Amino acid sequence: MTTVTNPAVTEMLRDGSRVTIREVRPDDKAALNAFFEGLSAHSKHLLFLGGVAHLRDRDLERMCAPDRAKAMTYVAVPAAQHDGRIVGVCRYASAQSPCVEAEISVAVTDDWQHKGLATLLVTRLIEHARNAGIERLYSVDAATNHRMRRLARHLGFSERPDPDDVHQVIYTMELTPAGR
């Protein structure tokens, strides 16, 4: 596994607003908690498949200081504001070491949706995973999550029903290692 670091980048969204996408930092814990607490009940339900209402401190700490051999988290912050507000989060994590495949997730605050932010975040995460030598990314989502379906199809993920739950689908992307 290659350790990869990426500098922060500022991107323009479809509506002309700008965000800075960067790796999460340990001092992002309070902002990350505020981000998750600020998601609508519907967004939380889709992100956590209905199983989580609040993140525990240890989960936030793990997200803010990921084990780079098995996880990566990117956050998006408004470029025009310098208050530390997080408006989007995208991450992958794996229980394996070395990490061959990893589960991804992405969330954007309701007021920043429909601007292309999720696409930018996931694209950046895919690039990082590829450079880190990860072979496969996947996401397990509610079959009714039409936003994720559109995003996954747009980015080239394959889709199949979850064999263990008819209410869920699994999106998968095989990654070609960087340099091939």
N, C-alpha and C. Protein backbone atom coordinates (compact mmCIF):
# COMPACT_ATOMS: atom_id res chain seq x y z
N MET A 1 0.84 -1.18 0.00
CA MET A 1 0.00 0.00 0.00
C MET A 1 0.88 1.23 0.00
N THR A 2 0.59 2.12 -0.88
CA THR A 2 1.32 3.37 -1.00
C THR A 2 0.63 4.44 -0.18
N THR A 3 1.40 5.20 0.58
CA THR A 3 0.82 6.32 1.30
C THR A 3 0.76 7.50 0.34
N VAL A 4 -0.41 8.04 0.17
CA VAL A 4 -0.63 9.12 -0.78
C VAL A 4 -1.20 10.31 -0.02
N THR A 5 -0.66 11.48 -0.28
CA THR A 5 -1.26 12.70 0.26
C THR A 5 -1.58 13.62 -0.90
N ASN A 6 -2.67 14.29 -0.80
CA ASN A 6 -3.11 15.19 -1.86
C ASN A 6 -3.30 16.58 -1.27
N PRO A 7 -2.83 17.58 -1.97
CA PRO A 7 -3.05 18.95 -1.48
C PRO A 7 -4.51 19.35 -1.61
N ALA A 8 -4.89 20.33 -0.84
CA ALA A 8 -6.24 20.87 -0.95
C ALA A 8 -6.41 21.52 -2.32
N VAL A 9 -7.61 21.39 -2.87
CA VAL A 9 -7.92 22.02 -4.16
C VAL A 9 -9.21 22.81 -4.01
N THR A 10 -9.30 23.93 -4.70
CA THR A 10 -10.52 24.71 -4.72
C THR A 10 -11.18 24.48 -6.07
N GLU A 11 -12.47 24.16 -6.02
CA GLU A 11 -13.24 23.81 -7.21
C GLU A 11 -14.46 24.72 -7.31
N MET A 12 -14.88 24.98 -8.56
CA MET A 12 -16.11 25.73 -8.79
C MET A 12 -17.24 24.73 -9.05
N LEU A 13 -18.37 24.96 -8.40
CA LEU A 13 -19.54 24.10 -8.57
C LEU A 13 -20.43 24.65 -9.69
N ARG A 14 -21.44 23.88 -10.05
CA ARG A 14 -22.32 24.27 -11.16
C ARG A 14 -22.97 25.63 -10.98
N ASP A 15 -23.25 26.00 -9.73
CA ASP A 15 -23.92 27.29 -9.48
C ASP A 15 -22.94 28.45 -9.33
N GLY A 16 -21.65 28.19 -9.54
CA GLY A 16 -20.64 29.23 -9.43
C GLY A 16 -20.00 29.35 -8.06
N SER A 17 -20.57 28.69 -7.05
CA SER A 17 -19.95 28.74 -5.73
C SER A 17 -18.67 27.91 -5.75
N ARG A 18 -17.79 28.19 -4.80
CA ARG A 18 -16.50 27.51 -4.76
C ARG A 18 -16.34 26.80 -3.43
N VAL A 19 -15.73 25.63 -3.50
CA VAL A 19 -15.43 24.85 -2.29
C VAL A 19 -13.97 24.43 -2.33
N THR A 20 -13.42 24.25 -1.16
CA THR A 20 -12.09 23.67 -1.04
C THR A 20 -12.27 22.24 -0.56
N ILE A 21 -11.69 21.32 -1.30
CA ILE A 21 -11.73 19.90 -0.95
C ILE A 21 -10.35 19.55 -0.42
N ARG A 22 -10.34 18.98 0.78
CA ARG A 22 -9.07 18.64 1.42
C ARG A 22 -9.23 17.39 2.28
N GLU A 23 -8.09 16.84 2.67
CA GLU A 23 -8.12 15.71 3.59
C GLU A 23 -8.60 16.20 4.95
N VAL A 24 -9.31 15.33 5.63
CA VAL A 24 -9.78 15.66 6.96
C VAL A 24 -8.57 15.82 7.89
N ARG A 25 -8.75 16.62 8.92
CA ARG A 25 -7.68 16.83 9.91
C ARG A 25 -8.23 16.52 11.31
N PRO A 26 -7.34 16.19 12.24
CA PRO A 26 -7.81 15.90 13.61
C PRO A 26 -8.61 17.04 14.23
N ASP A 27 -8.32 18.29 13.87
CA ASP A 27 -9.05 19.41 14.46
C ASP A 27 -10.41 19.65 13.79
N ASP A 28 -10.82 18.78 12.88
CA ASP A 28 -12.13 18.88 12.23
C ASP A 28 -13.25 18.20 13.02
N LYS A 29 -12.93 17.62 14.17
CA LYS A 29 -13.92 16.81 14.90
C LYS A 29 -15.22 17.57 15.18
N ALA A 30 -15.14 18.78 15.73
CA ALA A 30 -16.36 19.54 16.05
C ALA A 30 -17.13 19.89 14.78
N ALA A 31 -16.42 20.31 13.73
CA ALA A 31 -17.08 20.66 12.47
C ALA A 31 -17.71 19.43 11.82
N LEU A 32 -17.04 18.30 11.93
CA LEU A 32 -17.59 17.06 11.37
C LEU A 32 -18.84 16.64 12.13
N ASN A 33 -18.81 16.78 13.44
CA ASN A 33 -19.99 16.47 14.23
C ASN A 33 -21.14 17.41 13.86
N ALA A 34 -20.86 18.69 13.71
CA ALA A 34 -21.90 19.65 13.32
C ALA A 34 -22.45 19.31 11.94
N PHE A 35 -21.57 18.86 11.04
CA PHE A 35 -22.01 18.46 9.70
C PHE A 35 -23.04 17.33 9.80
N PHE A 36 -22.69 16.26 10.51
CA PHE A 36 -23.60 15.11 10.62
C PHE A 36 -24.87 15.47 11.37
N GLU A 37 -24.75 16.27 12.43
CA GLU A 37 -25.94 16.69 13.19
C GLU A 37 -26.85 17.56 12.33
N GLY A 38 -26.28 18.31 11.39
CA GLY A 38 -27.05 19.21 10.55
C GLY A 38 -27.72 18.55 9.35
N LEU A 39 -27.39 17.29 9.07
CA LEU A 39 -28.06 16.60 7.96
C LEU A 39 -29.53 16.40 8.29
N SER A 40 -30.36 16.46 7.28
CA SER A 40 -31.79 16.20 7.48
C SER A 40 -31.97 14.74 7.89
N ALA A 41 -33.11 14.45 8.50
CA ALA A 41 -33.41 13.07 8.89
C ALA A 41 -33.38 12.16 7.66
N HIS A 42 -33.88 12.64 6.53
CA HIS A 42 -33.88 11.85 5.30
C HIS A 42 -32.45 11.56 4.84
N SER A 43 -31.59 12.56 4.84
CA SER A 43 -30.20 12.36 4.43
C SER A 43 -29.48 11.40 5.36
N LYS A 44 -29.71 11.51 6.67
CA LYS A 44 -29.10 10.58 7.62
C LYS A 44 -29.59 9.16 7.36
N HIS A 45 -30.89 9.04 7.10
CA HIS A 45 -31.45 7.71 6.83
C HIS A 45 -30.78 7.08 5.61
N LEU A 46 -30.61 7.84 4.55
CA LEU A 46 -29.97 7.29 3.34
C LEU A 46 -28.50 6.98 3.58
N LEU A 47 -27.80 7.86 4.29
CA LEU A 47 -26.37 7.67 4.52
C LEU A 47 -26.10 6.46 5.40
N PHE A 48 -26.87 6.31 6.45
CA PHE A 48 -26.62 5.24 7.42
C PHE A 48 -27.62 4.09 7.33
N LEU A 49 -28.37 4.04 6.23
CA LEU A 49 -29.39 3.00 6.03
C LEU A 49 -30.32 2.90 7.24
N GLY A 50 -30.62 4.04 7.83
CA GLY A 50 -31.58 4.10 8.93
C GLY A 50 -31.04 3.68 10.27
N GLY A 51 -29.75 3.33 10.37
CA GLY A 51 -29.24 2.76 11.61
C GLY A 51 -28.55 3.70 12.57
N VAL A 52 -28.31 4.95 12.20
CA VAL A 52 -27.54 5.85 13.05
C VAL A 52 -28.21 7.22 13.06
N ALA A 53 -28.38 7.77 14.24
CA ALA A 53 -28.91 9.13 14.35
C ALA A 53 -27.81 10.11 14.71
N HIS A 54 -26.82 9.64 15.50
CA HIS A 54 -25.70 10.49 15.95
C HIS A 54 -24.43 9.67 15.92
N LEU A 55 -23.32 10.32 15.60
CA LEU A 55 -22.03 9.64 15.62
C LEU A 55 -21.43 9.73 17.02
N ARG A 56 -20.80 8.66 17.45
CA ARG A 56 -20.12 8.64 18.74
C ARG A 56 -18.77 9.36 18.61
N ASP A 57 -18.26 9.82 19.74
CA ASP A 57 -16.96 10.51 19.75
C ASP A 57 -15.87 9.66 19.12
N ARG A 58 -15.83 8.38 19.43
CA ARG A 58 -14.75 7.54 18.89
C ARG A 58 -14.88 7.39 17.37
N ASP A 59 -16.10 7.40 16.85
CA ASP A 59 -16.29 7.35 15.39
C ASP A 59 -15.79 8.64 14.74
N LEU A 60 -16.10 9.77 15.35
CA LEU A 60 -15.62 11.06 14.84
C LEU A 60 -14.10 11.13 14.90
N GLU A 61 -13.52 10.67 15.99
CA GLU A 61 -12.06 10.67 16.12
C GLU A 61 -11.42 9.78 15.06
N ARG A 62 -12.01 8.63 14.82
CA ARG A 62 -11.48 7.71 13.80
C ARG A 62 -11.59 8.33 12.40
N MET A 63 -12.67 9.05 12.14
CA MET A 63 -12.82 9.71 10.84
C MET A 63 -11.83 10.85 10.67
N CYS A 64 -11.53 11.56 11.76
CA CYS A 64 -10.64 12.72 11.69
C CYS A 64 -9.16 12.35 11.69
N ALA A 65 -8.85 11.14 12.06
CA ALA A 65 -7.46 10.67 12.06
C ALA A 65 -7.45 9.26 11.49
N PRO A 66 -7.78 9.13 10.20
CA PRO A 66 -7.92 7.79 9.63
C PRO A 66 -6.60 7.03 9.58
N ASP A 67 -6.70 5.72 9.73
CA ASP A 67 -5.57 4.83 9.51
C ASP A 67 -5.35 4.82 8.01
N ARG A 68 -4.37 5.53 7.54
CA ARG A 68 -4.17 5.74 6.10
C ARG A 68 -3.96 4.44 5.33
N ALA A 69 -3.62 3.37 6.00
CA ALA A 69 -3.48 2.09 5.31
C ALA A 69 -4.84 1.50 4.97
N LYS A 70 -5.90 1.97 5.66
CA LYS A 70 -7.22 1.38 5.46
C LYS A 70 -8.35 2.38 5.24
N ALA A 71 -8.07 3.68 5.33
CA ALA A 71 -9.17 4.65 5.25
C ALA A 71 -8.68 6.00 4.77
N MET A 72 -9.61 6.77 4.21
CA MET A 72 -9.35 8.15 3.81
C MET A 72 -10.66 8.90 3.88
N THR A 73 -10.58 10.14 4.34
CA THR A 73 -11.75 11.02 4.39
C THR A 73 -11.39 12.36 3.78
N TYR A 74 -12.25 12.84 2.88
CA TYR A 74 -12.13 14.18 2.32
C TYR A 74 -13.32 14.99 2.81
N VAL A 75 -13.07 16.27 3.04
CA VAL A 75 -14.15 17.18 3.40
C VAL A 75 -14.16 18.34 2.41
N ALA A 76 -15.31 18.95 2.26
CA ALA A 76 -15.47 20.15 1.43
C ALA A 76 -15.91 21.28 2.35
N VAL A 77 -15.22 22.41 2.22
CA VAL A 77 -15.57 23.60 2.99
C VAL A 77 -15.79 24.75 2.01
N PRO A 78 -16.74 25.64 2.26
CA PRO A 78 -16.95 26.77 1.36
C PRO A 78 -15.68 27.62 1.28
N ALA A 79 -15.25 27.91 0.07
CA ALA A 79 -14.01 28.67 -0.12
C ALA A 79 -14.17 30.12 0.32
N ALA A 80 -15.37 30.66 0.24
CA ALA A 80 -15.60 32.06 0.58
C ALA A 80 -15.71 32.28 2.09
N GLN A 81 -16.01 31.22 2.83
CA GLN A 81 -16.16 31.35 4.27
C GLN A 81 -14.95 30.72 4.94
N HIS A 82 -14.55 31.27 6.03
CA HIS A 82 -13.41 30.72 6.75
C HIS A 82 -13.83 30.35 8.17
N ASP A 83 -15.06 29.85 8.30
CA ASP A 83 -15.56 29.49 9.62
C ASP A 83 -15.41 28.00 9.92
N GLY A 84 -14.82 27.24 8.99
CA GLY A 84 -14.59 25.82 9.23
C GLY A 84 -15.80 24.94 8.98
N ARG A 85 -16.88 25.51 8.48
CA ARG A 85 -18.09 24.73 8.21
C ARG A 85 -17.82 23.70 7.12
N ILE A 86 -18.18 22.46 7.39
CA ILE A 86 -18.04 21.38 6.42
C ILE A 86 -19.38 21.21 5.72
N VAL A 87 -19.36 21.16 4.38
CA VAL A 87 -20.60 21.01 3.62
C VAL A 87 -20.67 19.69 2.85
N GLY A 88 -19.57 18.93 2.86
CA GLY A 88 -19.57 17.63 2.20
C GLY A 88 -18.48 16.75 2.77
N VAL A 89 -18.76 15.46 2.82
CA VAL A 89 -17.80 14.47 3.33
C VAL A 89 -17.86 13.25 2.43
N CYS A 90 -16.69 12.74 2.09
CA CYS A 90 -16.60 11.51 1.32
C CYS A 90 -15.46 10.69 1.91
N ARG A 91 -15.71 9.39 2.11
CA ARG A 91 -14.67 8.57 2.72
C ARG A 91 -14.73 7.15 2.21
N TYR A 92 -13.62 6.48 2.37
CA TYR A 92 -13.61 5.03 2.22
C TYR A 92 -12.96 4.44 3.46
N ALA A 93 -13.35 3.20 3.74
CA ALA A 93 -12.77 2.50 4.88
C ALA A 93 -12.81 1.01 4.58
N SER A 94 -11.84 0.31 5.13
CA SER A 94 -11.75 -1.12 4.96
C SER A 94 -11.33 -1.76 6.27
N ALA A 95 -11.79 -2.96 6.50
CA ALA A 95 -11.35 -3.71 7.67
C ALA A 95 -10.07 -4.47 7.35
N GLN A 96 -9.73 -4.56 6.07
CA GLN A 96 -8.56 -5.33 5.64
C GLN A 96 -7.29 -4.52 5.71
N SER A 97 -6.21 -5.21 5.95
CA SER A 97 -4.90 -4.60 5.83
C SER A 97 -3.96 -5.66 5.27
N PRO A 98 -3.39 -5.52 4.11
CA PRO A 98 -3.53 -4.32 3.29
C PRO A 98 -4.93 -4.19 2.69
N CYS A 99 -5.27 -2.99 2.38
CA CYS A 99 -6.60 -2.66 1.87
C CYS A 99 -6.69 -2.99 0.38
N VAL A 100 -7.50 -3.99 0.05
CA VAL A 100 -7.71 -4.38 -1.34
C VAL A 100 -9.03 -3.81 -1.85
N GLU A 101 -10.04 -3.82 -0.99
CA GLU A 101 -11.32 -3.21 -1.33
C GLU A 101 -11.79 -2.40 -0.15
N ALA A 102 -12.58 -1.38 -0.45
CA ALA A 102 -13.04 -0.49 0.61
C ALA A 102 -14.46 -0.01 0.31
N GLU A 103 -15.21 0.21 1.38
CA GLU A 103 -16.56 0.74 1.25
C GLU A 103 -16.49 2.26 1.25
N ILE A 104 -17.25 2.87 0.36
CA ILE A 104 -17.26 4.33 0.28
C ILE A 104 -18.61 4.87 0.73
N SER A 105 -18.59 6.13 1.12
CA SER A 105 -19.82 6.86 1.42
C SER A 105 -19.59 8.32 1.09
N VAL A 106 -20.68 8.99 0.80
CA VAL A 106 -20.61 10.42 0.51
C VAL A 106 -21.88 11.07 1.04
N ALA A 107 -21.71 12.28 1.58
CA ALA A 107 -22.86 13.04 2.06
C ALA A 107 -22.58 14.52 1.83
N VAL A 108 -23.63 15.23 1.48
CA VAL A 108 -23.56 16.67 1.24
C VAL A 108 -24.73 17.31 1.98
N THR A 109 -24.47 18.43 2.66
CA THR A 109 -25.56 19.09 3.36
C THR A 109 -26.66 19.45 2.36
N ASP A 110 -27.86 19.48 2.85
CA ASP A 110 -29.01 19.68 1.98
C ASP A 110 -28.90 20.96 1.15
N ASP A 111 -28.39 22.05 1.75
CA ASP A 111 -28.31 23.32 1.02
C ASP A 111 -27.17 23.37 0.00
N TRP A 112 -26.33 22.34 -0.07
CA TRP A 112 -25.25 22.28 -1.06
C TRP A 112 -25.46 21.15 -2.06
N GLN A 113 -26.61 20.50 -2.02
CA GLN A 113 -26.88 19.42 -2.97
C GLN A 113 -27.28 19.99 -4.33
N HIS A 114 -27.18 19.15 -5.35
CA HIS A 114 -27.55 19.48 -6.73
C HIS A 114 -26.62 20.52 -7.35
N LYS A 115 -25.38 20.57 -6.88
CA LYS A 115 -24.40 21.51 -7.42
C LYS A 115 -23.18 20.80 -8.01
N GLY A 116 -23.15 19.45 -7.91
CA GLY A 116 -22.01 18.70 -8.41
C GLY A 116 -20.95 18.39 -7.37
N LEU A 117 -21.21 18.74 -6.10
CA LEU A 117 -20.22 18.53 -5.06
C LEU A 117 -19.96 17.05 -4.80
N ALA A 118 -20.99 16.23 -4.73
CA ALA A 118 -20.78 14.80 -4.49
C ALA A 118 -19.91 14.18 -5.58
N THR A 119 -20.14 14.59 -6.82
CA THR A 119 -19.32 14.08 -7.94
C THR A 119 -17.86 14.44 -7.74
N LEU A 120 -17.58 15.69 -7.37
CA LEU A 120 -16.20 16.11 -7.15
C LEU A 120 -15.56 15.35 -6.00
N LEU A 121 -16.30 15.18 -4.91
CA LEU A 121 -15.75 14.46 -3.76
C LEU A 121 -15.44 13.00 -4.09
N VAL A 122 -16.39 12.31 -4.71
CA VAL A 122 -16.17 10.89 -5.02
C VAL A 122 -15.06 10.74 -6.06
N THR A 123 -15.01 11.62 -7.04
CA THR A 123 -13.94 11.55 -8.04
C THR A 123 -12.57 11.69 -7.37
N ARG A 124 -12.47 12.61 -6.45
CA ARG A 124 -11.20 12.79 -5.72
C ARG A 124 -10.86 11.55 -4.90
N LEU A 125 -11.87 10.96 -4.28
CA LEU A 125 -11.65 9.76 -3.47
C LEU A 125 -11.23 8.58 -4.35
N ILE A 126 -11.85 8.43 -5.51
CA ILE A 126 -11.48 7.36 -6.44
C ILE A 126 -10.01 7.52 -6.85
N GLU A 127 -9.62 8.73 -7.18
CA GLU A 127 -8.23 9.00 -7.56
C GLU A 127 -7.27 8.61 -6.45
N HIS A 128 -7.62 8.99 -5.22
CA HIS A 128 -6.77 8.65 -4.08
C HIS A 128 -6.68 7.14 -3.90
N ALA A 129 -7.82 6.47 -3.95
CA ALA A 129 -7.84 5.01 -3.77
C ALA A 129 -7.01 4.31 -4.84
N ARG A 130 -7.16 4.74 -6.07
CA ARG A 130 -6.38 4.16 -7.16
C ARG A 130 -4.88 4.34 -6.91
N ASN A 131 -4.47 5.54 -6.54
CA ASN A 131 -3.05 5.81 -6.27
C ASN A 131 -2.54 5.05 -5.05
N ALA A 132 -3.44 4.72 -4.12
CA ALA A 132 -3.06 3.97 -2.93
C ALA A 132 -3.03 2.46 -3.18
N GLY A 133 -3.40 2.03 -4.39
CA GLY A 133 -3.34 0.62 -4.73
C GLY A 133 -4.58 -0.18 -4.39
N ILE A 134 -5.67 0.49 -4.07
CA ILE A 134 -6.92 -0.22 -3.78
C ILE A 134 -7.49 -0.72 -5.10
N GLU A 135 -7.98 -1.95 -5.11
CA GLU A 135 -8.45 -2.57 -6.34
C GLU A 135 -9.95 -2.39 -6.59
N ARG A 136 -10.72 -2.17 -5.52
CA ARG A 136 -12.17 -2.13 -5.68
C ARG A 136 -12.80 -1.23 -4.62
N LEU A 137 -13.75 -0.41 -5.06
CA LEU A 137 -14.57 0.39 -4.16
C LEU A 137 -16.00 -0.09 -4.27
N TYR A 138 -16.72 -0.06 -3.17
CA TYR A 138 -18.14 -0.45 -3.22
C TYR A 138 -18.94 0.37 -2.23
N SER A 139 -20.23 0.41 -2.47
CA SER A 139 -21.15 1.11 -1.59
C SER A 139 -22.44 0.31 -1.50
N VAL A 140 -22.96 0.16 -0.31
CA VAL A 140 -24.24 -0.52 -0.09
C VAL A 140 -25.24 0.57 0.25
N ASP A 141 -26.30 0.66 -0.57
CA ASP A 141 -27.25 1.75 -0.41
C ASP A 141 -28.68 1.25 -0.52
N ALA A 142 -29.60 2.05 0.00
CA ALA A 142 -31.02 1.74 -0.14
C ALA A 142 -31.38 1.76 -1.62
N ALA A 143 -32.18 0.81 -2.03
CA ALA A 143 -32.62 0.75 -3.43
C ALA A 143 -33.42 2.00 -3.80
N THR A 144 -33.98 2.67 -2.82
CA THR A 144 -34.77 3.88 -3.07
C THR A 144 -33.93 5.16 -3.11
N ASN A 145 -32.61 5.04 -2.93
CA ASN A 145 -31.73 6.20 -2.94
C ASN A 145 -31.39 6.54 -4.40
N HIS A 146 -32.28 7.29 -5.02
CA HIS A 146 -32.14 7.61 -6.44
C HIS A 146 -30.97 8.56 -6.72
N ARG A 147 -30.65 9.42 -5.76
CA ARG A 147 -29.49 10.31 -5.95
C ARG A 147 -28.20 9.50 -6.05
N MET A 148 -28.06 8.51 -5.17
CA MET A 148 -26.86 7.68 -5.21
C MET A 148 -26.82 6.85 -6.49
N ARG A 149 -27.97 6.38 -6.92
CA ARG A 149 -28.02 5.61 -8.17
C ARG A 149 -27.52 6.46 -9.34
N ARG A 150 -28.02 7.70 -9.44
CA ARG A 150 -27.57 8.58 -10.52
C ARG A 150 -26.07 8.86 -10.42
N LEU A 151 -25.59 9.13 -9.23
CA LEU A 151 -24.17 9.42 -9.03
C LEU A 151 -23.32 8.21 -9.39
N ALA A 152 -23.69 7.05 -8.90
CA ALA A 152 -22.92 5.83 -9.17
C ALA A 152 -22.88 5.53 -10.67
N ARG A 153 -24.00 5.64 -11.33
CA ARG A 153 -24.03 5.40 -12.77
C ARG A 153 -23.19 6.43 -13.52
N HIS A 154 -23.31 7.68 -13.13
CA HIS A 154 -22.54 8.76 -13.76
C HIS A 154 -21.03 8.50 -13.65
N LEU A 155 -20.59 7.99 -12.51
CA LEU A 155 -19.17 7.76 -12.28
C LEU A 155 -18.67 6.41 -12.78
N GLY A 156 -19.58 5.55 -13.26
CA GLY A 156 -19.16 4.28 -13.84
C GLY A 156 -19.16 3.10 -12.90
N PHE A 157 -19.85 3.20 -11.78
CA PHE A 157 -19.98 2.06 -10.88
C PHE A 157 -20.96 1.06 -11.49
N SER A 158 -20.73 -0.22 -11.27
CA SER A 158 -21.71 -1.23 -11.66
C SER A 158 -22.70 -1.37 -10.50
N GLU A 159 -23.85 -1.92 -10.80
CA GLU A 159 -24.93 -2.02 -9.81
C GLU A 159 -25.48 -3.43 -9.80
N ARG A 160 -25.73 -3.95 -8.60
CA ARG A 160 -26.39 -5.25 -8.48
C ARG A 160 -27.22 -5.27 -7.20
N PRO A 161 -28.26 -6.07 -7.18
CA PRO A 161 -29.07 -6.18 -5.96
C PRO A 161 -28.23 -6.79 -4.84
N ASP A 162 -28.48 -6.37 -3.63
CA ASP A 162 -27.82 -6.97 -2.47
C ASP A 162 -28.45 -8.34 -2.25
N PRO A 163 -27.68 -9.42 -2.31
CA PRO A 163 -28.26 -10.75 -2.16
C PRO A 163 -28.83 -11.01 -0.76
N ASP A 164 -28.42 -10.19 0.22
CA ASP A 164 -28.88 -10.39 1.59
C ASP A 164 -30.05 -9.49 1.99
N ASP A 165 -30.38 -8.51 1.13
CA ASP A 165 -31.45 -7.58 1.48
C ASP A 165 -32.04 -6.98 0.20
N VAL A 166 -33.28 -7.33 -0.10
CA VAL A 166 -33.91 -6.88 -1.34
C VAL A 166 -34.14 -5.37 -1.37
N HIS A 167 -34.00 -4.72 -0.24
CA HIS A 167 -34.21 -3.27 -0.16
C HIS A 167 -32.92 -2.48 -0.39
N GLN A 168 -31.84 -3.19 -0.71
CA GLN A 168 -30.55 -2.54 -0.88
C GLN A 168 -29.92 -2.94 -2.22
N VAL A 169 -29.01 -2.07 -2.69
CA VAL A 169 -28.21 -2.36 -3.88
C VAL A 169 -26.74 -2.17 -3.52
N ILE A 170 -25.88 -2.80 -4.30
CA ILE A 170 -24.44 -2.67 -4.11
C ILE A 170 -23.85 -2.09 -5.38
N TYR A 171 -23.14 -1.00 -5.24
CA TYR A 171 -22.43 -0.36 -6.35
C TYR A 171 -20.95 -0.72 -6.21
N THR A 172 -20.34 -1.09 -7.33
CA THR A 172 -18.94 -1.50 -7.30
C THR A 172 -18.17 -0.85 -8.44
N MET A 173 -16.93 -0.48 -8.14
CA MET A 173 -16.03 0.03 -9.16
C MET A 173 -14.69 -0.68 -9.02
N GLU A 174 -14.28 -1.32 -10.11
CA GLU A 174 -12.95 -1.94 -10.16
C GLU A 174 -11.97 -0.84 -10.55
N LEU A 175 -10.87 -0.75 -9.84
CA LEU A 175 -9.90 0.30 -10.09
C LEU A 175 -8.68 -0.27 -10.79
N THR A 176 -8.24 0.42 -11.80
CA THR A 176 -7.00 0.06 -12.46
C THR A 176 -5.90 0.80 -11.72
N PRO A 177 -4.86 0.10 -11.30
CA PRO A 177 -3.80 0.79 -10.56
C PRO A 177 -3.20 1.95 -11.37
N ALA A 178 -2.78 2.99 -10.67
CA ALA A 178 -2.17 4.14 -11.32
C ALA A 178 -0.93 3.69 -12.07
N GLY A 179 -0.72 4.23 -13.26
CA GLY A 179 0.45 3.90 -14.04
C GLY A 179 0.24 2.75 -15.03
N ARG A 180 -0.93 2.13 -15.01
CA ARG A 180 -1.21 1.04 -15.94
C ARG A 180 -2.06 1.49 -17.08
